[in-house]
């Protein structure tokens, strides 16, 4: 547990909070003094090759946050449902009193060569990753502006939001879109002292199991697969590593950083 209390008295809204990066972020902000508004779809997506988060996963996030002594308002809501998301956020703000930090983390991934991506894969990935991030921001920003005390927003992009990782073109398109959305919003929201940044992880050890991509990596081992190589001698990061970067960029220590792309990528983007 961190000894810092950088978010004492503040409230953080986190999507995709049932497991993985979202859960780690909820716990990290709570450890640093924040109360939490958490949502997750807790569903099985049609196009993904791995199991979706469950109600029990979200319940465990609640337990972990409450074990820090902080409050949490958690709801089962899909980020594609703007009305449901807005209602859950509004309820959380009513119970916890304010909103300071927004982490648009919910996302999905699947693999295929770009011309073999199905319409279903494309649409579901765009709807969850890109439109879901837009919904999260659209619901949150009026509260932040009305509150009048600034704020910090972080969108979870990816190294695939800055480079063309093969076999995931639909995912790459959404993550590039998220990066651009954050940069535009950072410009628009600067006058309100609301900062908007993106984080760009490489592989993270979450429930997003992409072992289905291994045959393609093996087939293109000497051509396309090296695009995924890291500089540092580690194959994968942990959710807590991403949560640390998110907490930092949302803190007053990074109060002059906005419109930035923060890599937590094991040096992948340097190659």
Protein backbone atom coordinates (compact mmCIF):
# COMPACT_ATOMS: atom_id res chain seq x y z
CA UNK A 1 0.00 0.00 0.00
CA UNK A 2 1.24 3.44 -0.87
CA UNK A 3 1.77 5.91 1.97
CA UNK A 4 0.77 8.90 -0.19
CA UNK A 5 -2.66 10.51 0.22
CA UNK A 6 -2.65 12.63 -2.92
CA UNK A 7 -6.42 12.20 -3.46
CA UNK A 8 -7.71 12.79 0.05
CA UNK A 9 -11.31 14.03 -0.13
CA UNK A 10 -11.57 13.47 -3.88
CA UNK A 11 -13.73 11.15 -5.97
CA UNK A 12 -12.57 9.06 -8.95
CA UNK A 13 -14.86 7.59 -11.61
CA UNK A 14 -13.44 4.45 -13.25
CA UNK A 15 -14.90 2.31 -16.04
CA UNK A 16 -14.03 -1.33 -16.61
CA UNK A 17 -13.38 -1.56 -12.87
CA UNK A 18 -14.30 -5.19 -12.21
CA UNK A 19 -10.81 -6.55 -12.83
CA UNK A 20 -7.41 -5.85 -14.38
CA UNK A 21 -6.30 -2.27 -14.81
CA UNK A 22 -9.65 -0.83 -13.73
CA UNK A 23 -9.60 -2.70 -10.44
CA UNK A 24 -5.96 -1.80 -9.81
CA UNK A 25 -6.76 1.85 -10.47
CA UNK A 26 -9.77 1.81 -8.14
CA UNK A 27 -7.67 0.31 -5.36
CA UNK A 28 -4.75 2.68 -5.97
CA UNK A 29 -6.91 5.81 -5.85
CA UNK A 30 -8.64 4.49 -2.74
CA UNK A 31 -5.29 3.82 -1.07
CA UNK A 32 -4.44 7.44 -1.77
CA UNK A 33 -7.62 8.74 -0.14
CA UNK A 34 -10.20 8.87 -2.94
CA UNK A 35 -13.73 7.55 -2.87
CA UNK A 36 -14.64 5.59 -5.98
CA UNK A 37 -17.45 5.42 -8.52
CA UNK A 38 -16.95 2.17 -10.44
CA UNK A 39 -18.78 0.62 -13.36
CA UNK A 40 -18.30 -2.49 -15.47
CA UNK A 41 -20.46 -4.30 -18.02
CA UNK A 42 -19.76 -7.67 -16.36
CA UNK A 43 -20.71 -9.45 -19.56
CA UNK A 44 -19.39 -11.77 -22.24
CA UNK A 45 -18.67 -9.84 -25.41
CA UNK A 46 -19.45 -11.57 -28.69
CA UNK A 47 -16.17 -10.92 -30.49
CA UNK A 48 -13.59 -11.48 -27.74
CA UNK A 49 -11.71 -14.79 -27.33
CA UNK A 50 -11.46 -14.52 -23.53
CA UNK A 51 -14.09 -14.59 -20.73
CA UNK A 52 -15.64 -11.30 -19.75
CA UNK A 53 -15.64 -9.88 -16.25
CA UNK A 54 -18.34 -11.13 -13.89
CA UNK A 55 -20.57 -9.76 -11.16
CA UNK A 56 -18.30 -11.52 -8.66
CA UNK A 57 -15.30 -9.66 -10.09
CA UNK A 58 -17.01 -6.33 -9.47
CA UNK A 59 -17.98 -7.45 -5.97
CA UNK A 60 -14.31 -8.21 -5.29
CA UNK A 61 -13.33 -4.71 -6.44
CA UNK A 62 -15.85 -3.31 -3.97
CA UNK A 63 -14.35 -5.44 -1.20
CA UNK A 64 -10.81 -4.35 -2.00
CA UNK A 65 -11.71 -0.66 -2.09
CA UNK A 66 -13.69 -0.86 1.14
CA UNK A 67 -10.76 -2.64 2.80
CA UNK A 68 -8.78 0.60 2.38
CA UNK A 69 -11.38 2.45 4.43
CA UNK A 70 -12.77 4.38 1.47
CA UNK A 71 -16.29 4.41 0.01
CA UNK A 72 -17.29 2.98 -3.34
CA UNK A 73 -20.45 3.18 -5.43
CA UNK A 74 -20.35 0.33 -7.95
CA UNK A 75 -22.83 -0.41 -10.71
CA UNK A 76 -23.16 -2.96 -13.49
CA UNK A 77 -23.32 -0.69 -16.55
CA UNK A 78 -22.09 -1.04 -20.12
CA UNK A 79 -20.20 2.00 -21.44
CA UNK A 80 -22.14 1.65 -24.70
CA UNK A 81 -25.26 2.63 -22.73
CA UNK A 82 -24.92 6.39 -22.38
CA UNK A 83 -28.10 6.85 -20.38
CA UNK A 84 -27.21 4.06 -17.98
CA UNK A 85 -23.65 5.32 -17.60
CA UNK A 86 -24.84 8.87 -16.97
CA UNK A 87 -27.35 7.69 -14.37
CA UNK A 88 -24.74 5.60 -12.55
CA UNK A 89 -22.29 8.51 -12.51
CA UNK A 90 -24.95 10.92 -11.29
CA UNK A 91 -25.94 8.54 -8.51
CA UNK A 92 -22.32 8.16 -7.48
CA UNK A 93 -21.79 11.92 -7.37
CA UNK A 94 -25.01 12.34 -5.35
CA UNK A 95 -23.75 9.82 -2.79
CA UNK A 96 -20.10 10.86 -2.65
CA UNK A 97 -20.51 14.60 -3.16
CA UNK A 98 -18.20 15.48 -6.06
CA UNK A 99 -16.10 14.35 -9.03
CA UNK A 100 -12.39 14.99 -9.53
CA UNK A 101 -10.85 12.18 -11.59
CA UNK A 102 -12.19 10.26 -14.59
CA UNK A 103 -10.47 7.13 -15.87
CA UNK A 104 -12.01 5.81 -19.10
CA UNK A 105 -10.51 2.34 -18.93
CA UNK A 106 -13.12 -0.08 -20.31
CA UNK A 107 -12.02 -1.85 -23.47
CA UNK A 108 -11.92 -5.10 -25.43
CA UNK A 109 -9.61 -6.71 -27.97
CA UNK A 110 -9.61 -9.50 -30.53
CA UNK A 111 -7.26 -10.54 -33.32
CA UNK A 112 -7.43 -11.04 -37.07
CA UNK A 113 -5.69 -9.84 -40.20
CA UNK A 114 -7.25 -6.50 -41.10
CA UNK A 115 -9.12 -7.73 -44.18
CA UNK A 116 -10.43 -10.71 -42.20
CA UNK A 117 -11.86 -8.67 -39.30
CA UNK A 118 -15.58 -9.39 -39.26
CA UNK A 119 -18.16 -6.63 -39.25
CA UNK A 120 -19.17 -7.83 -35.79
CA UNK A 121 -15.60 -7.61 -34.48
CA UNK A 122 -15.18 -4.13 -35.94
CA UNK A 123 -18.45 -2.72 -34.64
CA UNK A 124 -18.22 -4.17 -31.13
CA UNK A 125 -14.62 -2.98 -30.72
CA UNK A 126 -15.46 0.52 -31.94
CA UNK A 127 -18.59 0.70 -29.80
CA UNK A 128 -16.91 -0.40 -26.57
CA UNK A 129 -13.47 1.17 -26.92
CA UNK A 130 -14.02 4.43 -28.76
CA UNK A 131 -17.69 5.24 -28.30
CA UNK A 132 -17.51 4.00 -24.70
CA UNK A 133 -14.66 6.41 -23.98
CA UNK A 134 -16.61 9.24 -25.62
CA UNK A 135 -19.67 8.37 -23.51
CA UNK A 136 -17.56 8.39 -20.35
CA UNK A 137 -16.14 11.81 -21.14
CA UNK A 138 -19.45 13.26 -22.35
CA UNK A 139 -21.20 12.20 -19.13
CA UNK A 140 -18.39 13.45 -16.87
CA UNK A 141 -17.37 16.79 -18.34
CA UNK A 142 -20.54 18.77 -17.47
CA UNK A 143 -20.15 17.74 -13.81
CA UNK A 144 -16.51 18.83 -13.77
CA UNK A 145 -17.26 22.16 -15.42
CA UNK A 146 -20.19 22.88 -13.12
CA UNK A 147 -18.16 21.97 -10.05
CA UNK A 148 -15.60 24.56 -11.06
CA UNK A 149 -12.55 23.04 -9.37
CA UNK A 150 -10.76 21.58 -12.38
CA UNK A 151 -10.12 17.89 -12.75
CA UNK A 152 -8.10 15.16 -14.42
CA UNK A 153 -9.21 12.72 -17.08
CA UNK A 154 -7.20 9.77 -18.35
CA UNK A 155 -8.18 7.58 -21.29
CA UNK A 156 -6.62 4.13 -21.50
CA UNK A 157 -5.10 3.90 -24.95
CA UNK A 158 -2.30 1.47 -25.78
CA UNK A 159 1.02 1.26 -27.53
CA UNK A 160 -1.41 0.40 -30.36
CA UNK A 161 -2.69 3.96 -30.05
CA UNK A 162 0.69 5.22 -31.29
CA UNK A 163 1.90 2.49 -33.66
CA UNK A 164 0.40 0.03 -36.12
CA UNK A 165 0.51 -3.25 -34.24
CA UNK A 166 -0.42 -6.01 -36.68
CA UNK A 167 -3.35 -8.43 -36.35
CA UNK A 168 -5.38 -5.88 -34.36
CA UNK A 169 -6.25 -3.18 -36.88
CA UNK A 170 -9.74 -2.64 -35.47
CA UNK A 171 -8.28 -2.27 -31.97
CA UNK A 172 -5.51 -0.01 -33.33
CA UNK A 173 -8.10 2.22 -34.98
CA UNK A 174 -10.00 2.67 -31.72
CA UNK A 175 -6.89 3.32 -29.67
CA UNK A 176 -5.62 5.91 -32.15
CA UNK A 177 -9.09 7.46 -32.00
CA UNK A 178 -8.94 7.61 -28.21
CA UNK A 179 -5.57 9.35 -28.41
CA UNK A 180 -6.92 11.97 -30.80
CA UNK A 181 -10.09 12.46 -28.75
CA UNK A 182 -8.03 13.16 -25.64
CA UNK A 183 -5.81 15.67 -27.44
CA UNK A 184 -8.81 17.60 -28.78
CA UNK A 185 -10.59 17.56 -25.41
CA UNK A 186 -7.40 18.71 -23.66
CA UNK A 187 -7.45 21.83 -25.83
CA UNK A 188 -11.15 22.48 -25.27
CA UNK A 189 -11.07 21.93 -21.51
CA UNK A 190 -7.88 23.77 -20.68
CA UNK A 191 -9.73 26.97 -19.77
CA UNK A 192 -11.56 25.02 -17.04
CA UNK A 193 -8.30 23.62 -15.62
CA UNK A 194 -9.44 20.13 -16.62
CA UNK A 195 -6.53 18.05 -17.88
CA UNK A 196 -6.92 15.18 -20.36
CA UNK A 197 -4.15 12.65 -21.03
CA UNK A 198 -3.76 9.13 -22.36
CA UNK A 199 -1.75 6.19 -21.04
CA UNK A 200 -0.20 3.71 -23.46
CA UNK A 201 0.56 0.28 -21.99
CA UNK A 202 2.25 -2.59 -23.74
CA UNK A 203 1.01 -6.02 -22.69
CA UNK A 204 -0.64 -6.08 -19.26
CA UNK A 205 -1.36 -9.19 -17.19
CA UNK A 206 -5.16 -8.90 -17.02
CA UNK A 207 -8.10 -11.08 -17.99
CA UNK A 208 -7.60 -10.01 -21.62
CA UNK A 209 -5.97 -13.26 -22.77
CA UNK A 210 -4.77 -12.82 -26.35
CA UNK A 211 -3.10 -16.22 -26.75
CA UNK A 212 -5.35 -16.69 -29.79
CA UNK A 213 -2.91 -14.39 -31.60
CA UNK A 214 0.03 -16.79 -31.12
CA UNK A 215 -0.40 -18.66 -34.45
CA UNK A 216 -0.14 -15.35 -36.33
CA UNK A 217 2.90 -14.28 -34.32
CA UNK A 218 4.55 -17.60 -35.14
CA UNK A 219 3.65 -17.38 -38.83
CA UNK A 220 5.11 -13.88 -39.10
CA UNK A 221 7.92 -14.43 -36.58
CA UNK A 222 10.62 -12.75 -38.68
CA UNK A 223 8.54 -9.97 -40.23
CA UNK A 224 5.61 -8.59 -38.21
CA UNK A 225 6.01 -10.20 -34.80
CA UNK A 226 9.12 -8.13 -33.88
CA UNK A 227 6.86 -5.05 -33.77
CA UNK A 228 5.71 -6.40 -30.40
CA UNK A 229 9.23 -6.69 -28.97
CA UNK A 230 10.06 -4.72 -25.81
CA UNK A 231 13.31 -2.94 -25.02
CA UNK A 232 13.31 -3.83 -21.32
CA UNK A 233 13.89 -7.52 -20.45
CA UNK A 234 10.33 -8.17 -19.26
CA UNK A 235 7.51 -9.75 -21.26
CA UNK A 236 4.55 -8.05 -19.60
CA UNK A 237 3.52 -5.40 -17.09
CA UNK A 238 1.15 -5.71 -14.14
CA UNK A 239 -2.11 -3.76 -13.70
CA UNK A 240 -0.58 -2.00 -10.70
CA UNK A 241 2.16 -0.57 -12.94
CA UNK A 242 -0.46 1.14 -15.08
CA UNK A 243 -2.39 2.29 -12.02
CA UNK A 244 0.75 3.97 -10.68
CA UNK A 245 1.16 5.97 -13.89
CA UNK A 246 -2.52 6.90 -13.97
CA UNK A 247 -2.47 8.05 -10.34
CA UNK A 248 0.61 10.16 -10.98
CA UNK A 249 -0.73 11.91 -14.08
CA UNK A 250 -4.01 12.64 -12.26
CA UNK A 251 -2.20 14.07 -9.22
CA UNK A 252 -1.08 17.63 -8.55
CA UNK A 253 2.47 16.46 -9.25
CA UNK A 254 1.46 16.43 -12.92
CA UNK A 255 -0.76 19.52 -12.75
CA UNK A 256 0.82 21.12 -15.81
CA UNK A 257 0.59 18.03 -18.03
CA UNK A 258 -2.31 17.82 -20.48
CA UNK A 259 -2.79 16.48 -23.98
CA UNK A 260 0.12 14.10 -23.36
CA UNK A 261 0.65 10.45 -24.19
CA UNK A 262 2.18 8.60 -21.24
CA UNK A 263 3.86 5.32 -22.27
CA UNK A 264 4.09 2.41 -19.81
CA UNK A 265 5.35 0.15 -22.54
CA UNK A 266 8.60 -1.57 -21.54
CA UNK A 267 10.30 0.55 -24.19
CA UNK A 268 8.22 -0.93 -27.00
CA UNK A 269 7.48 2.44 -28.58
CA UNK A 270 11.20 3.21 -28.66
CA UNK A 271 11.93 0.42 -31.10
